[in-house]
Amino acid sequence: MFTGIIETLGTIKDLRKEGENIHITLSSSVTYELKIDQSVSHNGVCLTVVGISNDQYTVTAIKESIDKTNIGEWKIGDQVNLERAMRLGDRLDGHIVQGHVDQTGTCISIEEADGSWYYTFEYDPKLSNITIEKGSITVNGVSLTVVNSQKNAFSVAIIPYTYEHTNFKNFEVGTKINLEFDVIGKYVSRLHQLA
C-alpha cells in the first residue's frame, strides 16, 4: 500500500528486455535505504526491487504491468516518481493507493494559473472507471484531487511544490500517464453496474 505522496524522483539508467519482461535500472536518492524484495511505486506501478548496486537498483516489470501502464514508453534518462510502501502507524497524507494501475490516460491540456497549473487528462471510459468531483485520483503515482470530473476526462490542480518534486514538470500535451482510480470510486462504480 502507498499514499500517493512522492518521496523523490528516480532516473532510468538501463532498460533490458528478457522474454516479455523488462528489467529497469534506476538511480535514486533512496537507493541506499532499499532492500531486495521491497515494493516501490514507480509512476504509480508497484514493482519489486530485485537488485541493488551502489546508487542504482533494478526492478522487473512483467507483461501484465507493461500492457496496463506506460512502462513500454519509458526511455533511458526519463524521470520516474518514486514512493516506498507506507508503514503501519504512519499518517495517511494522500489516500489509499494500491500501486495497481487501472489504465493509462493522456494529457490533453496544461494551463498555467498564476502560480499553479491545471492539467486535464482523458481516458478510455470502456473500462468503467470513473472519477468523482473532489474525489481522489492517482496520476503517475501522485495522489491528487479531481476537479471538473467528466465521463472520460478530469482535471487536477498542481501546486508549485508538486510541480517541482514530481515528473509533472516534464508533461506535455500527448504525454501518456498511469491512472489508479480511487478504491471507493471503483466500489461505487461496480455497485452501479450490478444495480
C-alpha atoms as a PDB file:
ATOM      1  CA  MET A   1       0.000   0.000   0.000  1.00  0.00           C
ATOM      2  CA  PHE A   2       1.062   3.559  -0.773  1.00  0.00           C
ATOM      3  CA  THR A   3      -0.232   7.053  -0.065  1.00  0.00           C
ATOM      4  CA  GLY A   4       0.444   8.835  -3.355  1.00  0.00           C
ATOM      5  CA  ILE A   5       2.885  11.235  -1.684  1.00  0.00           C
ATOM      6  CA  ILE A   6       6.009  11.105  -3.859  1.00  0.00           C
ATOM      7  CA  GLU A   7       9.303  10.815  -1.962  1.00  0.00           C
ATOM      8  CA  THR A   8      11.738  11.508  -4.761  1.00  0.00           C
ATOM      9  CA  LEU A   9      12.418  11.107  -8.451  1.00  0.00           C
ATOM     10  CA  GLY A  10      14.419   8.254  -9.932  1.00  0.00           C
ATOM     11  CA  THR A  11      16.302   8.380 -13.229  1.00  0.00           C
ATOM     12  CA  ILE A  12      16.184   5.406 -15.593  1.00  0.00           C
ATOM     13  CA  LYS A  13      19.732   4.203 -16.289  1.00  0.00           C
ATOM     14  CA  ASP A  14      19.090   0.955 -18.161  1.00  0.00           C
ATOM     15  CA  LEU A  15      16.217  -0.962 -19.764  1.00  0.00           C
ATOM     16  CA  ARG A  16      16.787  -4.617 -20.627  1.00  0.00           C
ATOM     17  CA  LYS A  17      14.232  -6.913 -22.218  1.00  0.00           C
ATOM     18  CA  GLU A  18      14.171 -10.591 -21.257  1.00  0.00           C
ATOM     19  CA  GLY A  19      11.359 -12.502 -22.920  1.00  0.00           C
ATOM     20  CA  GLU A  20       8.212 -10.474 -22.218  1.00  0.00           C
ATOM     21  CA  ASN A  21       9.740  -8.847 -19.121  1.00  0.00           C
ATOM     22  CA  ILE A  22      11.629  -5.557 -18.845  1.00  0.00           C
ATOM     23  CA  HIS A  23      14.373  -5.126 -16.239  1.00  0.00           C
ATOM     24  CA  ILE A  24      14.559  -1.450 -15.279  1.00  0.00           C
ATOM     25  CA  THR A  25      17.591   0.014 -13.512  1.00  0.00           C
ATOM     26  CA  LEU A  26      17.256   3.399 -11.826  1.00  0.00           C
ATOM     27  CA  SER A  27      19.385   5.724  -9.734  1.00  0.00           C
ATOM     28  CA  SER A  28      17.753   7.458  -6.809  1.00  0.00           C
ATOM     29  CA  SER A  29      18.491   9.229  -3.542  1.00  0.00           C
ATOM     30  CA  VAL A  30      16.677   6.430  -1.654  1.00  0.00           C
ATOM     31  CA  THR A  31      18.605   3.540  -3.228  1.00  0.00           C
ATOM     32  CA  TYR A  32      20.848   3.110  -0.164  1.00  0.00           C
ATOM     33  CA  GLU A  33      17.750   2.613   2.007  1.00  0.00           C
ATOM     34  CA  LEU A  34      16.190  -0.067  -0.225  1.00  0.00           C
ATOM     35  CA  LYS A  35      16.285  -3.816   0.293  1.00  0.00           C
ATOM     36  CA  ILE A  36      15.837  -6.731  -2.079  1.00  0.00           C
ATOM     37  CA  ASP A  37      12.129  -7.796  -2.246  1.00  0.00           C
ATOM     38  CA  GLN A  38      10.939  -4.325  -1.188  1.00  0.00           C
ATOM     39  CA  SER A  39       7.937  -2.826  -3.022  1.00  0.00           C
ATOM     40  CA  VAL A  40       8.391   0.608  -4.564  1.00  0.00           C
ATOM     41  CA  SER A  41       5.860   2.620  -6.564  1.00  0.00           C
ATOM     42  CA  HIS A  42       7.271   3.790  -9.924  1.00  0.00           C
ATOM     43  CA  ASN A  43       4.898   6.288 -11.567  1.00  0.00           C
ATOM     44  CA  GLY A  44       2.194   4.513  -9.583  1.00  0.00           C
ATOM     45  CA  VAL A  45       3.252   0.973 -10.548  1.00  0.00           C
ATOM     46  CA  CYS A  46       4.186  -1.285  -7.638  1.00  0.00           C
ATOM     47  CA  LEU A  47       7.412  -3.081  -8.613  1.00  0.00           C
ATOM     48  CA  THR A  48       9.718  -5.282  -6.534  1.00  0.00           C
ATOM     49  CA  VAL A  49      13.395  -4.475  -6.029  1.00  0.00           C
ATOM     50  CA  VAL A  50      15.406  -7.419  -7.441  1.00  0.00           C
ATOM     51  CA  GLY A  51      18.921  -5.994  -7.384  1.00  0.00           C
ATOM     52  CA  ILE A  52      20.950  -3.185  -5.812  1.00  0.00           C
ATOM     53  CA  SER A  53      24.379  -1.899  -6.818  1.00  0.00           C
ATOM     54  CA  ASN A  54      25.801   1.313  -5.338  1.00  0.00           C
ATOM     55  CA  ASP A  55      23.303   4.123  -6.055  1.00  0.00           C
ATOM     56  CA  GLN A  56      21.323   2.054  -8.561  1.00  0.00           C
ATOM     57  CA  TYR A  57      18.652  -0.590  -8.154  1.00  0.00           C
ATOM     58  CA  THR A  58      16.725  -2.847 -10.519  1.00  0.00           C
ATOM     59  CA  VAL A  59      13.056  -3.824 -10.726  1.00  0.00           C
ATOM     60  CA  THR A  60      11.318  -6.142 -13.190  1.00  0.00           C
ATOM     61  CA  ALA A  61       8.056  -5.407 -14.983  1.00  0.00           C
ATOM     62  CA  ILE A  62       6.057  -8.341 -16.350  1.00  0.00           C
ATOM     63  CA  LYS A  63       3.788  -8.286 -19.413  1.00  0.00           C
ATOM     64  CA  GLU A  64       0.640  -7.546 -17.356  1.00  0.00           C
ATOM     65  CA  SER A  65       2.241  -4.397 -15.926  1.00  0.00           C
ATOM     66  CA  ILE A  66       3.669  -3.348 -19.279  1.00  0.00           C
ATOM     67  CA  ASP A  67       0.305  -3.789 -21.027  1.00  0.00           C
ATOM     68  CA  LYS A  68      -1.680  -1.737 -18.486  1.00  0.00           C
ATOM     69  CA  THR A  69       0.789   1.102 -17.891  1.00  0.00           C
ATOM     70  CA  ASN A  70       3.123   3.498 -19.694  1.00  0.00           C
ATOM     71  CA  ILE A  71       6.209   1.385 -18.868  1.00  0.00           C
ATOM     72  CA  GLY A  72       6.582   0.389 -22.534  1.00  0.00           C
ATOM     73  CA  GLU A  73       7.254   4.057 -23.360  1.00  0.00           C
ATOM     74  CA  TRP A  74       9.948   4.614 -20.717  1.00  0.00           C
ATOM     75  CA  LYS A  75      13.363   5.619 -22.013  1.00  0.00           C
ATOM     76  CA  ILE A  76      16.846   5.851 -20.518  1.00  0.00           C
ATOM     77  CA  GLY A  77      17.117   9.258 -18.849  1.00  0.00           C
ATOM     78  CA  ASP A  78      13.393   9.546 -18.022  1.00  0.00           C
ATOM     79  CA  GLN A  79      12.451  10.660 -14.527  1.00  0.00           C
ATOM     80  CA  VAL A  80      10.062   8.435 -12.573  1.00  0.00           C
ATOM     81  CA  ASN A  81       8.036   9.337  -9.459  1.00  0.00           C
ATOM     82  CA  LEU A  82       9.081   7.093  -6.546  1.00  0.00           C
ATOM     83  CA  GLU A  83       7.347   6.191  -3.285  1.00  0.00           C
ATOM     84  CA  ARG A  84       8.245   3.410  -0.890  1.00  0.00           C
ATOM     85  CA  ALA A  85       5.416   1.410   0.714  1.00  0.00           C
ATOM     86  CA  MET A  86       3.713   3.053   3.675  1.00  0.00           C
ATOM     87  CA  ARG A  87       4.433   1.859   7.207  1.00  0.00           C
ATOM     88  CA  LEU A  88       1.654   0.936   9.602  1.00  0.00           C
ATOM     89  CA  GLY A  89       1.177   3.757  12.057  1.00  0.00           C
ATOM     90  CA  ASP A  90       2.259   6.485   9.597  1.00  0.00           C
ATOM     91  CA  ARG A  91      -0.051   9.355   8.745  1.00  0.00           C
ATOM     92  CA  LEU A  92      -2.033   8.815   5.553  1.00  0.00           C
ATOM     93  CA  ASP A  93      -1.291  12.176   3.926  1.00  0.00           C
ATOM     94  CA  GLY A  94      -2.608  11.271   0.466  1.00  0.00           C
ATOM     95  CA  HIS A  95      -5.161   8.499   0.035  1.00  0.00           C
ATOM     96  CA  ILE A  96      -5.102   4.692  -0.103  1.00  0.00           C
ATOM     97  CA  VAL A  97      -3.127   3.756  -3.216  1.00  0.00           C
ATOM     98  CA  GLN A  98      -2.563   0.117  -4.122  1.00  0.00           C
ATOM     99  CA  GLY A  99       0.099   0.562  -6.775  1.00  0.00           C
ATOM    100  CA  HIS A 100      -2.117  -1.343  -9.232  1.00  0.00           C
ATOM    101  CA  VAL A 101      -2.597   0.873 -12.283  1.00  0.00           C
ATOM    102  CA  ASP A 102      -6.103   0.589 -13.739  1.00  0.00           C
ATOM    103  CA  GLN A 103      -5.344   2.090 -17.131  1.00  0.00           C
ATOM    104  CA  THR A 104      -3.422   4.818 -18.892  1.00  0.00           C
ATOM    105  CA  GLY A 105      -4.621   8.258 -19.854  1.00  0.00           C
ATOM    106  CA  THR A 106      -3.345  11.108 -21.989  1.00  0.00           C
ATOM    107  CA  CYS A 107      -2.609  14.705 -21.073  1.00  0.00           C
ATOM    108  CA  ILE A 108      -4.823  16.873 -23.283  1.00  0.00           C
ATOM    109  CA  SER A 109      -4.320  20.309 -21.721  1.00  0.00           C
ATOM    110  CA  ILE A 110      -1.929  22.232 -19.460  1.00  0.00           C
ATOM    111  CA  GLU A 111      -2.923  25.683 -18.226  1.00  0.00           C
ATOM    112  CA  GLU A 112      -0.850  27.977 -16.036  1.00  0.00           C
ATOM    113  CA  ALA A 113      -2.916  29.689 -13.334  1.00  0.00           C
ATOM    114  CA  ASP A 114      -0.790  32.402 -11.727  1.00  0.00           C
ATOM    115  CA  GLY A 115       1.499  30.181  -9.681  1.00  0.00           C
ATOM    116  CA  SER A 116      -0.164  26.798 -10.167  1.00  0.00           C
ATOM    117  CA  TRP A 117      -1.118  24.589 -13.094  1.00  0.00           C
ATOM    118  CA  TYR A 118      -4.269  22.807 -14.278  1.00  0.00           C
ATOM    119  CA  TYR A 119      -3.683  19.546 -16.094  1.00  0.00           C
ATOM    120  CA  THR A 120      -6.517  17.812 -17.941  1.00  0.00           C
ATOM    121  CA  PHE A 121      -6.360  14.111 -18.741  1.00  0.00           C
ATOM    122  CA  GLU A 122      -8.518  11.954 -20.977  1.00  0.00           C
ATOM    123  CA  TYR A 123      -9.015   8.197 -20.585  1.00  0.00           C
ATOM    124  CA  ASP A 124     -10.943   5.386 -22.280  1.00  0.00           C
ATOM    125  CA  PRO A 125     -14.322   5.038 -20.489  1.00  0.00           C
ATOM    126  CA  LYS A 126     -14.888   1.483 -21.794  1.00  0.00           C
ATOM    127  CA  LEU A 127     -13.169   0.039 -18.708  1.00  0.00           C
ATOM    128  CA  SER A 128     -15.934   1.555 -16.499  1.00  0.00           C
ATOM    129  CA  ASN A 129     -13.529   3.547 -14.341  1.00  0.00           C
ATOM    130  CA  ILE A 130     -14.930   6.805 -13.028  1.00  0.00           C
ATOM    131  CA  THR A 131     -13.766   9.924 -11.288  1.00  0.00           C
ATOM    132  CA  ILE A 132     -15.783  11.785  -8.686  1.00  0.00           C
ATOM    133  CA  GLU A 133     -15.723  15.567  -8.294  1.00  0.00           C
ATOM    134  CA  LYS A 134     -13.412  16.391  -5.353  1.00  0.00           C
ATOM    135  CA  GLY A 135     -12.591  12.685  -5.064  1.00  0.00           C
ATOM    136  CA  SER A 136      -9.085  11.200  -5.200  1.00  0.00           C
ATOM    137  CA  ILE A 137      -7.149  10.062  -8.258  1.00  0.00           C
ATOM    138  CA  THR A 138      -3.585   8.826  -8.675  1.00  0.00           C
ATOM    139  CA  VAL A 139      -1.693  10.179 -11.700  1.00  0.00           C
ATOM    140  CA  ASN A 140       1.759   8.621 -12.196  1.00  0.00           C
ATOM    141  CA  GLY A 141       1.655   7.688  -8.516  1.00  0.00           C
ATOM    142  CA  VAL A 142       0.712  11.181  -7.263  1.00  0.00           C
ATOM    143  CA  SER A 143      -2.353  11.465  -5.006  1.00  0.00           C
ATOM    144  CA  LEU A 144      -4.493  14.331  -6.318  1.00  0.00           C
ATOM    145  CA  THR A 145      -7.990  15.783  -6.029  1.00  0.00           C
ATOM    146  CA  VAL A 146     -10.257  15.628  -9.069  1.00  0.00           C
ATOM    147  CA  VAL A 147     -11.695  18.849 -10.446  1.00  0.00           C
ATOM    148  CA  ASN A 148     -14.045  19.052 -13.414  1.00  0.00           C
ATOM    149  CA  SER A 149     -14.915  15.330 -13.420  1.00  0.00           C
ATOM    150  CA  GLN A 150     -16.370  14.178 -16.749  1.00  0.00           C
ATOM    151  CA  LYS A 151     -17.284  10.807 -18.236  1.00  0.00           C
ATOM    152  CA  ASN A 152     -13.866  10.240 -19.799  1.00  0.00           C
ATOM    153  CA  ALA A 153     -11.779  13.169 -18.569  1.00  0.00           C
ATOM    154  CA  PHE A 154     -10.855  15.143 -15.467  1.00  0.00           C
ATOM    155  CA  SER A 155      -8.533  17.902 -14.336  1.00  0.00           C
ATOM    156  CA  VAL A 156      -6.198  18.315 -11.376  1.00  0.00           C
ATOM    157  CA  ALA A 157      -4.610  21.439  -9.899  1.00  0.00           C
ATOM    158  CA  ILE A 158      -0.863  21.242  -9.260  1.00  0.00           C
ATOM    159  CA  ILE A 159       0.879  23.448  -6.706  1.00  0.00           C
ATOM    160  CA  PRO A 160       4.495  24.579  -7.257  1.00  0.00           C
ATOM    161  CA  TYR A 161       5.906  22.039  -4.745  1.00  0.00           C
ATOM    162  CA  THR A 162       4.289  19.102  -6.584  1.00  0.00           C
ATOM    163  CA  TYR A 163       5.349  20.528  -9.934  1.00  0.00           C
ATOM    164  CA  GLU A 164       8.998  20.768  -8.842  1.00  0.00           C
ATOM    165  CA  HIS A 165       9.212  17.444  -6.963  1.00  0.00           C
ATOM    166  CA  THR A 166       7.444  15.119  -9.431  1.00  0.00           C
ATOM    167  CA  ASN A 167       7.643  14.436 -13.138  1.00  0.00           C
ATOM    168  CA  PHE A 168       4.598  16.649 -13.798  1.00  0.00           C
ATOM    169  CA  LYS A 169       7.114  19.317 -14.884  1.00  0.00           C
ATOM    170  CA  ASN A 170       8.032  17.040 -17.814  1.00  0.00           C
ATOM    171  CA  PHE A 171       4.449  16.517 -19.031  1.00  0.00           C
ATOM    172  CA  GLU A 172       3.274  17.993 -22.295  1.00  0.00           C
ATOM    173  CA  VAL A 173       0.095  17.599 -24.319  1.00  0.00           C
ATOM    174  CA  GLY A 174       0.115  13.989 -25.532  1.00  0.00           C
ATOM    175  CA  THR A 175       2.062  12.563 -22.562  1.00  0.00           C
ATOM    176  CA  LYS A 176       0.753   9.108 -21.618  1.00  0.00           C
ATOM    177  CA  ILE A 177       0.240   8.703 -17.855  1.00  0.00           C
ATOM    178  CA  ASN A 178      -0.705   5.934 -15.411  1.00  0.00           C
ATOM    179  CA  LEU A 179      -4.054   6.161 -13.616  1.00  0.00           C
ATOM    180  CA  GLU A 180      -5.185   4.411 -10.475  1.00  0.00           C
ATOM    181  CA  PHE A 181      -8.767   5.314  -9.685  1.00  0.00           C
ATOM    182  CA  ASP A 182      -9.875   5.757  -6.084  1.00  0.00           C
ATOM    183  CA  VAL A 183     -10.772   2.462  -4.384  1.00  0.00           C
ATOM    184  CA  ILE A 184     -14.037   3.942  -3.108  1.00  0.00           C
ATOM    185  CA  GLY A 185     -14.923   5.260  -6.567  1.00  0.00           C
ATOM    186  CA  LYS A 186     -14.220   1.824  -8.054  1.00  0.00           C
ATOM    187  CA  TYR A 187     -16.516   0.249  -5.472  1.00  0.00           C
ATOM    188  CA  VAL A 188     -19.322   2.729  -6.249  1.00  0.00           C
ATOM    189  CA  SER A 189     -18.883   2.125  -9.986  1.00  0.00           C
ATOM    190  CA  ARG A 190     -19.187  -1.653  -9.527  1.00  0.00           C
ATOM    191  CA  LEU A 191     -22.341  -1.202  -7.422  1.00  0.00           C
ATOM    192  CA  HIS A 192     -23.905   0.857 -10.214  1.00  0.00           C
ATOM    193  CA  GLN A 193     -23.031  -1.879 -12.722  1.00  0.00           C
ATOM    194  CA  LEU A 194     -24.718  -4.524 -10.551  1.00  0.00           C
ATOM    195  CA  ALA A 195     -27.869  -2.451  -9.933  1.00  0.00           C
END
